[in-house]
Each structure stands twice: as structure tokens, then as C-alpha cells.
PDB file of N, CA and C in Angstrom:
ATOM      1  N   UNK A   1     161.902 160.746  65.373  1.00  0.00           N
ATOM      2  CA  UNK A   1     162.936 159.751  65.208  1.00  0.00           C
ATOM      3  C   UNK A   1     162.957 158.861  66.451  1.00  0.00           C
ATOM      4  N   UNK A   2     163.156 157.575  66.239  1.00  0.00           N
ATOM      5  CA  UNK A   2     163.235 156.644  67.352  1.00  0.00           C
ATOM      6  C   UNK A   2     164.634 156.623  67.950  1.00  0.00           C
ATOM      7  N   UNK A   3     164.702 156.116  69.176  1.00  0.00           N
ATOM      8  CA  UNK A   3     166.007 155.938  69.797  1.00  0.00           C
ATOM      9  C   UNK A   3     165.936 154.794  70.793  1.00  0.00           C
ATOM     10  N   UNK A   4     167.099 154.250  71.082  1.00  0.00           N
ATOM     11  CA  UNK A   4     167.239 153.226  72.103  1.00  0.00           C
ATOM     12  C   UNK A   4     167.990 153.822  73.269  1.00  0.00           C
ATOM     13  N   UNK A   5     167.560 153.482  74.461  1.00  0.00           N
ATOM     14  CA  UNK A   5     168.301 153.886  75.649  1.00  0.00           C
ATOM     15  C   UNK A   5     168.682 152.621  76.403  1.00  0.00           C
ATOM     16  N   UNK A   6     169.887 152.617  76.928  1.00  0.00           N
ATOM     17  CA  UNK A   6     170.339 151.504  77.752  1.00  0.00           C
ATOM     18  C   UNK A   6     169.987 151.835  79.193  1.00  0.00           C
ATOM     19  N   UNK A   7     169.371 150.868  79.848  1.00  0.00           N
ATOM     20  CA  UNK A   7     168.945 151.059  81.223  1.00  0.00           C
ATOM     21  C   UNK A   7     169.684 150.067  82.118  1.00  0.00           C
ATOM     22  N   UNK A   8     170.305 150.581  83.172  1.00  0.00           N
ATOM     23  CA  UNK A   8     170.963 149.734  84.167  1.00  0.00           C
ATOM     24  C   UNK A   8     170.571 150.223  85.545  1.00  0.00           C
ATOM     25  N   UNK A   9     170.095 149.305  86.382  1.00  0.00           N
ATOM     26  CA  UNK A   9     169.694 149.628  87.751  1.00  0.00           C
ATOM     27  C   UNK A   9     168.716 150.799  87.816  1.00  0.00           C
ATOM     28  N   UNK A  10     167.772 150.850  86.873  1.00  0.00           N
ATOM     29  CA  UNK A  10     166.750 151.881  86.877  1.00  0.00           C
ATOM     30  C   UNK A  10     167.166 153.223  86.314  1.00  0.00           C
ATOM     31  N   UNK A  11     168.421 153.347  85.859  1.00  0.00           N
ATOM     32  CA  UNK A  11     168.912 154.618  85.320  1.00  0.00           C
ATOM     33  C   UNK A  11     169.290 154.466  83.858  1.00  0.00           C
ATOM     34  N   UNK A  12     169.075 155.523  83.103  1.00  0.00           N
ATOM     35  CA  UNK A  12     169.478 155.535  81.691  1.00  0.00           C
ATOM     36  C   UNK A  12     170.966 155.851  81.638  1.00  0.00           C
ATOM     37  N   UNK A  13     171.738 154.980  80.961  1.00  0.00           N
ATOM     38  CA  UNK A  13     173.187 155.190  80.897  1.00  0.00           C
ATOM     39  C   UNK A  13     173.646 155.705  79.537  1.00  0.00           C
ATOM     40  N   UNK A  14     172.916 155.362  78.457  1.00  0.00           N
ATOM     41  CA  UNK A  14     173.309 155.789  77.109  1.00  0.00           C
ATOM     42  C   UNK A  14     172.080 155.885  76.222  1.00  0.00           C
ATOM     43  N   UNK A  15     172.167 156.745  75.188  1.00  0.00           N
ATOM     44  CA  UNK A  15     171.095 156.887  74.201  1.00  0.00           C
ATOM     45  C   UNK A  15     171.678 156.744  72.807  1.00  0.00           C
ATOM     46  N   UNK A  16     170.922 156.098  71.916  1.00  0.00           N
ATOM     47  CA  UNK A  16     171.363 155.890  70.540  1.00  0.00           C
ATOM     48  C   UNK A  16     170.208 156.193  69.590  1.00  0.00           C
ATOM     49  N   UNK A  17     170.337 157.202  68.723  1.00  0.00           N
ATOM     50  CA  UNK A  17     169.284 157.438  67.724  1.00  0.00           C
ATOM     51  C   UNK A  17     169.237 156.280  66.739  1.00  0.00           C
ATOM     52  N   UNK A  18     168.043 155.856  66.383  1.00  0.00           N
ATOM     53  CA  UNK A  18     167.866 154.727  65.467  1.00  0.00           C
ATOM     54  C   UNK A  18     167.789 155.259  64.044  1.00  0.00           C
ATOM     55  N   UNK A  19     168.763 154.874  63.235  1.00  0.00           N
ATOM     56  CA  UNK A  19     168.801 155.273  61.819  1.00  0.00           C
ATOM     57  C   UNK A  19     167.920 154.329  61.006  1.00  0.00           C
ATOM     58  N   UNK A  20     167.903 154.497  59.686  1.00  0.00           N
ATOM     59  CA  UNK A  20     167.082 153.653  58.814  1.00  0.00           C
ATOM     60  C   UNK A  20     167.343 152.178  59.037  1.00  0.00           C
ATOM     61  N   UNK A  21     168.604 151.805  59.133  1.00  0.00           N
ATOM     62  CA  UNK A  21     168.990 150.436  59.434  1.00  0.00           C
ATOM     63  C   UNK A  21     169.960 150.494  60.595  1.00  0.00           C
ATOM     64  N   UNK A  22     169.557 149.933  61.718  1.00  0.00           N
ATOM     65  CA  UNK A  22     170.315 150.028  62.964  1.00  0.00           C
ATOM     66  C   UNK A  22     170.620 148.619  63.440  1.00  0.00           C
ATOM     67  N   UNK A  23     171.904 148.277  63.504  1.00  0.00           N
ATOM     68  CA  UNK A  23     172.316 146.925  63.870  1.00  0.00           C
ATOM     69  C   UNK A  23     172.881 146.897  65.281  1.00  0.00           C
ATOM     70  N   UNK A  24     172.485 145.870  66.021  1.00  0.00           N
ATOM     71  CA  UNK A  24     172.946 145.659  67.387  1.00  0.00           C
ATOM     72  C   UNK A  24     173.714 144.341  67.421  1.00  0.00           C
ATOM     73  N   UNK A  25     174.889 144.349  68.017  1.00  0.00           N
ATOM     74  CA  UNK A  25     175.666 143.119  68.125  1.00  0.00           C
ATOM     75  C   UNK A  25     176.991 143.359  68.807  1.00  0.00           C
ATOM     76  N   UNK A  26     177.802 142.313  68.854  1.00  0.00           N
ATOM     77  CA  UNK A  26     179.115 142.404  69.485  1.00  0.00           C
ATOM     78  C   UNK A  26     180.168 142.973  68.539  1.00  0.00           C
ATOM     79  N   UNK A  27     179.942 142.889  67.231  1.00  0.00           N
ATOM     80  CA  UNK A  27     180.914 143.396  66.252  1.00  0.00           C
ATOM     81  C   UNK A  27     181.087 144.907  66.412  1.00  0.00           C
ATOM     82  N   UNK A  28     182.305 145.361  66.266  1.00  0.00           N
ATOM     83  CA  UNK A  28     182.610 146.781  66.467  1.00  0.00           C
ATOM     84  C   UNK A  28     181.930 147.696  65.456  1.00  0.00           C
ATOM     85  N   UNK A  29     181.608 147.187  64.257  1.00  0.00           N
ATOM     86  CA  UNK A  29     180.998 148.042  63.233  1.00  0.00           C
ATOM     87  C   UNK A  29     179.474 148.143  63.363  1.00  0.00           C
ATOM     88  N   UNK A  30     178.874 147.512  64.365  1.00  0.00           N
ATOM     89  CA  UNK A  30     177.431 147.650  64.595  1.00  0.00           C
ATOM     90  C   UNK A  30     177.135 149.063  65.097  1.00  0.00           C
ATOM     91  N   UNK A  31     175.929 149.525  64.844  1.00  0.00           N
ATOM     92  CA  UNK A  31     175.521 150.842  65.350  1.00  0.00           C
ATOM     93  C   UNK A  31     175.555 150.877  66.873  1.00  0.00           C
ATOM     94  N   UNK A  32     175.185 149.770  67.482  1.00  0.00           N
ATOM     95  CA  UNK A  32     175.281 149.617  68.934  1.00  0.00           C
ATOM     96  C   UNK A  32     176.079 148.346  69.195  1.00  0.00           C
ATOM     97  N   UNK A  33     177.316 148.520  69.619  1.00  0.00           N
ATOM     98  CA  UNK A  33     178.210 147.395  69.879  1.00  0.00           C
ATOM     99  C   UNK A  33     178.185 147.070  71.365  1.00  0.00           C
ATOM    100  N   UNK A  34     177.773 145.835  71.672  1.00  0.00           N
ATOM    101  CA  UNK A  34     177.674 145.375  73.055  1.00  0.00           C
ATOM    102  C   UNK A  34     178.680 144.253  73.265  1.00  0.00           C
ATOM    103  N   UNK A  35     179.726 144.523  73.994  1.00  0.00           N
ATOM    104  CA  UNK A  35     180.774 143.537  74.225  1.00  0.00           C
ATOM    105  C   UNK A  35     180.385 142.660  75.413  1.00  0.00           C
ATOM    106  N   UNK A  36     179.408 141.786  75.173  1.00  0.00           N
ATOM    107  CA  UNK A  36     178.894 140.881  76.196  1.00  0.00           C
ATOM    108  C   UNK A  36     178.927 139.454  75.659  1.00  0.00           C
ATOM    109  N   UNK A  37     179.200 138.457  76.508  1.00  0.00           N
ATOM    110  CA  UNK A  37     179.360 137.084  76.026  1.00  0.00           C
ATOM    111  C   UNK A  37     178.116 136.493  75.361  1.00  0.00           C
ATOM    112  N   UNK A  38     176.907 136.881  75.779  1.00  0.00           N
ATOM    113  CA  UNK A  38     175.677 136.318  75.202  1.00  0.00           C
ATOM    114  C   UNK A  38     175.170 137.065  73.978  1.00  0.00           C
ATOM    115  N   UNK A  39     175.939 138.032  73.489  1.00  0.00           N
ATOM    116  CA  UNK A  39     175.536 138.822  72.326  1.00  0.00           C
ATOM    117  C   UNK A  39     176.293 138.303  71.104  1.00  0.00           C
ATOM    118  N   UNK A  40     175.541 137.986  70.045  1.00  0.00           N
ATOM    119  CA  UNK A  40     176.155 137.528  68.794  1.00  0.00           C
ATOM    120  C   UNK A  40     176.816 138.703  68.081  1.00  0.00           C
ATOM    121  N   UNK A  41     177.778 138.431  67.186  1.00  0.00           N
ATOM    122  CA  UNK A  41     178.414 139.529  66.450  1.00  0.00           C
ATOM    123  C   UNK A  41     177.397 140.417  65.718  1.00  0.00           C
ATOM    124  N   UNK A  42     176.390 139.817  65.120  1.00  0.00           N
ATOM    125  CA  UNK A  42     175.280 140.543  64.485  1.00  0.00           C
ATOM    126  C   UNK A  42     174.008 139.956  65.077  1.00  0.00           C
ATOM    127  N   UNK A  43     173.527 140.544  66.138  1.00  0.00           N
ATOM    128  CA  UNK A  43     172.478 139.946  66.962  1.00  0.00           C
ATOM    129  C   UNK A  43     171.066 140.311  66.494  1.00  0.00           C
ATOM    130  N   UNK A  44     170.813 141.597  66.312  1.00  0.00           N
ATOM    131  CA  UNK A  44     169.472 142.059  65.941  1.00  0.00           C
ATOM    132  C   UNK A  44     169.578 143.323  65.106  1.00  0.00           C
ATOM    133  N   UNK A  45     168.470 143.650  64.448  1.00  0.00           N
ATOM    134  CA  UNK A  45     168.449 144.826  63.578  1.00  0.00           C
ATOM    135  C   UNK A  45     167.096 145.514  63.713  1.00  0.00           C
ATOM    136  N   UNK A  46     167.128 146.838  63.666  1.00  0.00           N
ATOM    137  CA  UNK A  46     165.899 147.632  63.629  1.00  0.00           C
ATOM    138  C   UNK A  46     165.897 148.367  62.297  1.00  0.00           C
ATOM    139  N   UNK A  47     164.791 148.273  61.594  1.00  0.00           N
ATOM    140  CA  UNK A  47     164.653 148.946  60.306  1.00  0.00           C
ATOM    141  C   UNK A  47     163.506 149.941  60.413  1.00  0.00           C
ATOM    142  N   UNK A  48     163.788 151.199  60.092  1.00  0.00           N
ATOM    143  CA  UNK A  48     162.771 152.255  60.108  1.00  0.00           C
ATOM    144  C   UNK A  48     162.191 152.374  58.707  1.00  0.00           C
ATOM    145  N   UNK A  49     160.879 152.239  58.606  1.00  0.00           N
ATOM    146  CA  UNK A  49     160.198 152.312  57.314  1.00  0.00           C
ATOM    147  C   UNK A  49     159.109 153.377  57.350  1.00  0.00           C
ATOM    148  N   UNK A  50     159.052 154.244  56.333  1.00  0.00           N
ATOM    149  CA  UNK A  50     157.950 155.205  56.286  1.00  0.00           C
ATOM    150  C   UNK A  50     156.622 154.475  56.062  1.00  0.00           C
ATOM    151  N   UNK A  51     155.578 154.942  56.760  1.00  0.00           N
ATOM    152  CA  UNK A  51     154.271 154.305  56.629  1.00  0.00           C
ATOM    153  C   UNK A  51     153.181 155.328  56.944  1.00  0.00           C
ATOM    154  N   UNK A  52     152.412 155.709  55.932  1.00  0.00           N
ATOM    155  CA  UNK A  52     151.275 156.623  56.082  1.00  0.00           C
ATOM    156  C   UNK A  52     151.627 157.900  56.843  1.00  0.00           C
ATOM    157  N   UNK A  53     152.715 158.531  56.454  1.00  0.00           N
ATOM    158  CA  UNK A  53     153.107 159.798  57.041  1.00  0.00           C
ATOM    159  C   UNK A  53     153.866 159.693  58.352  1.00  0.00           C
ATOM    160  N   UNK A  54     154.094 158.491  58.834  1.00  0.00           N
ATOM    161  CA  UNK A  54     154.888 158.317  60.050  1.00  0.00           C
ATOM    162  C   UNK A  54     155.959 157.259  59.776  1.00  0.00           C
ATOM    163  N   UNK A  55     156.560 156.752  60.817  1.00  0.00           N
ATOM    164  CA  UNK A  55     157.608 155.745  60.661  1.00  0.00           C
ATOM    165  C   UNK A  55     157.272 154.526  61.498  1.00  0.00           C
ATOM    166  N   UNK A  56     157.440 153.355  60.899  1.00  0.00           N
ATOM    167  CA  UNK A  56     157.267 152.085  61.598  1.00  0.00           C
ATOM    168  C   UNK A  56     158.658 151.511  61.813  1.00  0.00           C
ATOM    169  N   UNK A  57     158.924 151.039  63.029  1.00  0.00           N
ATOM    170  CA  UNK A  57     160.221 150.447  63.368  1.00  0.00           C
ATOM    171  C   UNK A  57     160.036 148.943  63.527  1.00  0.00           C
ATOM    172  N   UNK A  58     160.757 148.191  62.698  1.00  0.00           N
ATOM    173  CA  UNK A  58     160.654 146.732  62.719  1.00  0.00           C
ATOM    174  C   UNK A  58     161.910 146.135  63.345  1.00  0.00           C
ATOM    175  N   UNK A  59     161.709 145.285  64.336  1.00  0.00           N
ATOM    176  CA  UNK A  59     162.794 144.587  65.001  1.00  0.00           C
ATOM    177  C   UNK A  59     162.924 143.204  64.380  1.00  0.00           C
ATOM    178  N   UNK A  60     164.172 142.789  64.128  1.00  0.00           N
ATOM    179  CA  UNK A  60     164.416 141.463  63.559  1.00  0.00           C
ATOM    180  C   UNK A  60     165.616 140.844  64.248  1.00  0.00           C
ATOM    181  N   UNK A  61     165.445 139.631  64.748  1.00  0.00           N
ATOM    182  CA  UNK A  61     166.566 138.874  65.279  1.00  0.00           C
ATOM    183  C   UNK A  61     167.377 138.349  64.098  1.00  0.00           C
ATOM    184  N   UNK A  62     168.685 138.442  64.179  1.00  0.00           N
ATOM    185  CA  UNK A  62     169.555 138.017  63.076  1.00  0.00           C
ATOM    186  C   UNK A  62     170.123 136.626  63.348  1.00  0.00           C
ATOM    187  N   UNK A  63     169.246 135.691  63.734  1.00  0.00           N
ATOM    188  CA  UNK A  63     169.627 134.306  64.025  1.00  0.00           C
ATOM    189  C   UNK A  63     170.687 134.243  65.118  1.00  0.00           C
ATOM    190  N   UNK A  64     170.492 135.051  66.160  1.00  0.00           N
ATOM    191  CA  UNK A  64     171.439 135.100  67.270  1.00  0.00           C
ATOM    192  C   UNK A  64     171.406 133.782  68.044  1.00  0.00           C
ATOM    193  N   UNK A  65     172.505 133.481  68.729  1.00  0.00           N
ATOM    194  CA  UNK A  65     172.577 132.218  69.474  1.00  0.00           C
ATOM    195  C   UNK A  65     171.802 132.259  70.793  1.00  0.00           C
ATOM    196  N   UNK A  66     171.603 133.438  71.382  1.00  0.00           N
ATOM    197  CA  UNK A  66     170.877 133.497  72.658  1.00  0.00           C
ATOM    198  C   UNK A  66     169.497 134.145  72.540  1.00  0.00           C
ATOM    199  N   UNK A  67     169.130 134.588  71.345  1.00  0.00           N
ATOM    200  CA  UNK A  67     167.801 135.137  71.116  1.00  0.00           C
ATOM    201  C   UNK A  67     167.663 136.615  71.445  1.00  0.00           C
ATOM    202  N   UNK A  68     166.583 137.184  70.930  1.00  0.00           N
ATOM    203  CA  UNK A  68     166.212 138.570  71.174  1.00  0.00           C
ATOM    204  C   UNK A  68     164.853 138.550  71.855  1.00  0.00           C
ATOM    205  N   UNK A  69     164.716 139.328  72.920  1.00  0.00           N
ATOM    206  CA  UNK A  69     163.481 139.352  73.693  1.00  0.00           C
ATOM    207  C   UNK A  69     162.850 140.732  73.617  1.00  0.00           C
ATOM    208  N   UNK A  70     161.540 140.738  73.419  1.00  0.00           N
ATOM    209  CA  UNK A  70     160.771 141.976  73.366  1.00  0.00           C
ATOM    210  C   UNK A  70     159.691 141.873  74.424  1.00  0.00           C
ATOM    211  N   UNK A  71     159.763 142.758  75.421  1.00  0.00           N
ATOM    212  CA  UNK A  71     158.807 142.734  76.528  1.00  0.00           C
ATOM    213  C   UNK A  71     158.724 141.329  77.147  1.00  0.00           C
ATOM    214  N   UNK A  72     159.898 140.749  77.383  1.00  0.00           N
ATOM    215  CA  UNK A  72     160.085 139.467  78.068  1.00  0.00           C
ATOM    216  C   UNK A  72     159.662 138.242  77.272  1.00  0.00           C
ATOM    217  N   UNK A  73     159.418 138.386  75.976  1.00  0.00           N
ATOM    218  CA  UNK A  73     159.092 137.203  75.170  1.00  0.00           C
ATOM    219  C   UNK A  73     160.064 137.109  74.009  1.00  0.00           C
ATOM    220  N   UNK A  74     160.489 135.890  73.661  1.00  0.00           N
ATOM    221  CA  UNK A  74     161.415 135.742  72.536  1.00  0.00           C
ATOM    222  C   UNK A  74     160.723 136.098  71.218  1.00  0.00           C
ATOM    223  N   UNK A  75     161.443 136.796  70.340  1.00  0.00           N
ATOM    224  CA  UNK A  75     160.875 137.181  69.044  1.00  0.00           C
ATOM    225  C   UNK A  75     161.890 136.927  67.934  1.00  0.00           C
ATOM    226  N   UNK A  76     161.371 136.642  66.746  1.00  0.00           N
ATOM    227  CA  UNK A  76     162.224 136.599  65.558  1.00  0.00           C
ATOM    228  C   UNK A  76     162.050 137.904  64.785  1.00  0.00           C
ATOM    229  N   UNK A  77     160.843 138.469  64.838  1.00  0.00           N
ATOM    230  CA  UNK A  77     160.580 139.789  64.253  1.00  0.00           C
ATOM    231  C   UNK A  77     159.281 140.340  64.843  1.00  0.00           C
ATOM    232  N   UNK A  78     159.222 141.655  64.918  1.00  0.00           N
ATOM    233  CA  UNK A  78     158.031 142.309  65.461  1.00  0.00           C
ATOM    234  C   UNK A  78     158.132 143.806  65.185  1.00  0.00           C
ATOM    235  N   UNK A  79     157.044 144.517  65.414  1.00  0.00           N
ATOM    236  CA  UNK A  79     157.026 145.969  65.278  1.00  0.00           C
ATOM    237  C   UNK A  79     157.230 146.568  66.662  1.00  0.00           C
ATOM    238  N   UNK A  80     158.121 147.555  66.758  1.00  0.00           N
ATOM    239  CA  UNK A  80     158.407 148.207  68.027  1.00  0.00           C
ATOM    240  C   UNK A  80     157.408 149.319  68.296  1.00  0.00           C
ATOM    241  N   UNK A  81     157.048 149.447  69.556  1.00  0.00           N
ATOM    242  CA  UNK A  81     156.168 150.523  70.013  1.00  0.00           C
ATOM    243  C   UNK A  81     156.894 151.308  71.101  1.00  0.00           C
ATOM    244  N   UNK A  82     156.430 152.520  71.323  1.00  0.00           N
ATOM    245  CA  UNK A  82     157.025 153.408  72.327  1.00  0.00           C
ATOM    246  C   UNK A  82     157.126 152.700  73.679  1.00  0.00           C
ATOM    247  N   UNK A  83     158.305 152.753  74.282  1.00  0.00           N
ATOM    248  CA  UNK A  83     158.641 152.188  75.582  1.00  0.00           C
ATOM    249  C   UNK A  83     158.675 150.665  75.609  1.00  0.00           C
ATOM    250  N   UNK A  84     158.773 150.009  74.448  1.00  0.00           N
ATOM    251  CA  UNK A  84     159.011 148.568  74.424  1.00  0.00           C
ATOM    252  C   UNK A  84     160.388 148.302  75.016  1.00  0.00           C
ATOM    253  N   UNK A  85     160.530 147.159  75.696  1.00  0.00           N
ATOM    254  CA  UNK A  85     161.793 146.787  76.321  1.00  0.00           C
ATOM    255  C   UNK A  85     162.388 145.602  75.577  1.00  0.00           C
ATOM    256  N   UNK A  86     163.610 145.797  75.073  1.00  0.00           N
ATOM    257  CA  UNK A  86     164.349 144.741  74.390  1.00  0.00           C
ATOM    258  C   UNK A  86     165.398 144.202  75.347  1.00  0.00           C
ATOM    259  N   UNK A  87     165.585 142.902  75.325  1.00  0.00           N
ATOM    260  CA  UNK A  87     166.666 142.310  76.103  1.00  0.00           C
ATOM    261  C   UNK A  87     167.534 141.528  75.131  1.00  0.00           C
ATOM    262  N   UNK A  88     168.791 141.926  75.092  1.00  0.00           N
ATOM    263  CA  UNK A  88     169.781 141.292  74.232  1.00  0.00           C
ATOM    264  C   UNK A  88     170.949 140.926  75.133  1.00  0.00           C
ATOM    265  N   UNK A  89     171.162 139.628  75.313  1.00  0.00           N
ATOM    266  CA  UNK A  89     172.150 139.207  76.294  1.00  0.00           C
ATOM    267  C   UNK A  89     171.702 139.700  77.658  1.00  0.00           C
ATOM    268  N   UNK A  90     172.614 140.277  78.421  1.00  0.00           N
ATOM    269  CA  UNK A  90     172.278 140.833  79.733  1.00  0.00           C
ATOM    270  C   UNK A  90     171.926 142.314  79.664  1.00  0.00           C
ATOM    271  N   UNK A  91     171.805 142.851  78.458  1.00  0.00           N
ATOM    272  CA  UNK A  91     171.571 144.277  78.281  1.00  0.00           C
ATOM    273  C   UNK A  91     170.079 144.547  78.066  1.00  0.00           C
ATOM    274  N   UNK A  92     169.558 145.521  78.792  1.00  0.00           N
ATOM    275  CA  UNK A  92     168.166 145.928  78.643  1.00  0.00           C
ATOM    276  C   UNK A  92     168.119 147.272  77.927  1.00  0.00           C
ATOM    277  N   UNK A  93     167.367 147.310  76.838  1.00  0.00           N
ATOM    278  CA  UNK A  93     167.231 148.511  76.023  1.00  0.00           C
ATOM    279  C   UNK A  93     165.770 148.919  75.983  1.00  0.00           C
ATOM    280  N   UNK A  94     165.513 150.213  76.035  1.00  0.00           N
ATOM    281  CA  UNK A  94     164.147 150.721  75.933  1.00  0.00           C
ATOM    282  C   UNK A  94     164.052 151.498  74.628  1.00  0.00           C
ATOM    283  N   UNK A  95     163.037 151.170  73.825  1.00  0.00           N
ATOM    284  CA  UNK A  95     162.814 151.864  72.558  1.00  0.00           C
ATOM    285  C   UNK A  95     161.872 153.031  72.794  1.00  0.00           C
ATOM    286  N   UNK A  96     162.273 154.199  72.309  1.00  0.00           N
ATOM    287  CA  UNK A  96     161.437 155.397  72.402  1.00  0.00           C
ATOM    288  C   UNK A  96     161.147 155.888  70.996  1.00  0.00           C
ATOM    289  N   UNK A  97     159.871 156.065  70.685  1.00  0.00           N
ATOM    290  CA  UNK A  97     159.513 156.496  69.333  1.00  0.00           C
ATOM    291  C   UNK A  97     159.404 158.002  69.220  1.00  0.00           C
ATOM    292  N   UNK A  98     159.499 158.717  70.344  1.00  0.00           N
ATOM    293  CA  UNK A  98     159.480 160.171  70.294  1.00  0.00           C
ATOM    294  C   UNK A  98     160.798 160.694  70.826  1.00  0.00           C
ATOM    295  N   UNK A  99     160.991 161.992  70.765  1.00  0.00           N
ATOM    296  CA  UNK A  99     162.234 162.589  71.246  1.00  0.00           C
ATOM    297  C   UNK A  99     162.235 162.813  72.746  1.00  0.00           C
ATOM    298  N   UNK A 100     161.111 162.505  73.402  1.00  0.00           N
ATOM    299  CA  UNK A 100     161.027 162.682  74.847  1.00  0.00           C
ATOM    300  C   UNK A 100     161.836 161.610  75.562  1.00  0.00           C
ATOM    301  N   UNK A 101     162.574 161.998  76.561  1.00  0.00           N
ATOM    302  CA  UNK A 101     163.313 161.059  77.377  1.00  0.00           C
ATOM    303  C   UNK A 101     162.517 160.816  78.643  1.00  0.00           C
ATOM    304  N   UNK A 102     162.185 159.549  78.943  1.00  0.00           N
ATOM    305  CA  UNK A 102     161.387 159.289  80.133  1.00  0.00           C
ATOM    306  C   UNK A 102     162.226 159.463  81.395  1.00  0.00           C
ATOM    307  N   UNK A 103     161.542 159.666  82.501  1.00  0.00           N
ATOM    308  CA  UNK A 103     162.249 159.694  83.777  1.00  0.00           C
ATOM    309  C   UNK A 103     162.659 158.272  84.099  1.00  0.00           C
ATOM    310  N   UNK A 104     163.789 158.109  84.735  1.00  0.00           N
ATOM    311  CA  UNK A 104     164.290 156.777  85.065  1.00  0.00           C
ATOM    312  C   UNK A 104     163.277 155.973  85.863  1.00  0.00           C
ATOM    313  N   UNK A 105     162.476 156.619  86.688  1.00  0.00           N
ATOM    314  CA  UNK A 105     161.500 155.903  87.508  1.00  0.00           C
ATOM    315  C   UNK A 105     160.346 155.360  86.672  1.00  0.00           C
ATOM    316  N   UNK A 106     160.097 155.916  85.489  1.00  0.00           N
ATOM    317  CA  UNK A 106     158.994 155.445  84.664  1.00  0.00           C
ATOM    318  C   UNK A 106     159.376 154.272  83.793  1.00  0.00           C
ATOM    319  N   UNK A 107     160.652 153.919  83.775  1.00  0.00           N
ATOM    320  CA  UNK A 107     161.098 152.790  82.966  1.00  0.00           C
ATOM    321  C   UNK A 107     160.942 151.532  83.755  1.00  0.00           C
TER     322      UNK A 107
END
């Protein structure tokens, strides 16, 4: 199962398991609610899809006003890979495709 971890100042502060449909935004009903000024109410979504015996995680920007960044480049949609870094507003998230938690220094 995939998960997102929030990273601040080189340390992991929170972890969120990624469900089949995982929404990130400022709205309180999002799976990950980020109360930040540059985050849209429904900013981005991750969809987990079965594929050849494993799971593919697809990232999609939901027409946010400040954009979604994957590994420092703006994206409208892409496939997530282990240790990809998402930037949504001022928040940095690391996607992990395994249950292993990396050491803060490796992020």
C-alpha cells in the first residue's frame, strides 16, 4: 500500500495511507486537508489502480490555482514512483510505495 509522508525541515511529521481515491486539498473532507493559503479546496488526487498484480498510483491536479509539482516540475497528471516528492502549496509530501519508512536523512 502506498502512503504520503509530510516532511518539514528534513523530518517526517505525519503519514497518510493512500486509499483507492485519495484527495488532497484545503477542504475539511479531503483525505489530507492542508489549511494553507496556496492550497485549493480540492487541489490534487491520487488514484490507486491494480495493474498486472501490483498497484499503479496516478497523480492528478484538480485544476488548482497554484499547481501541483512532482519532483520540482509542474504536472497535470503523472504516475507516482517510490520516493517521488510532491509540492502542494508550501507543503512537501513524499510518496512511498512500500510500507518501509525512510530515514529522515534519506529524504
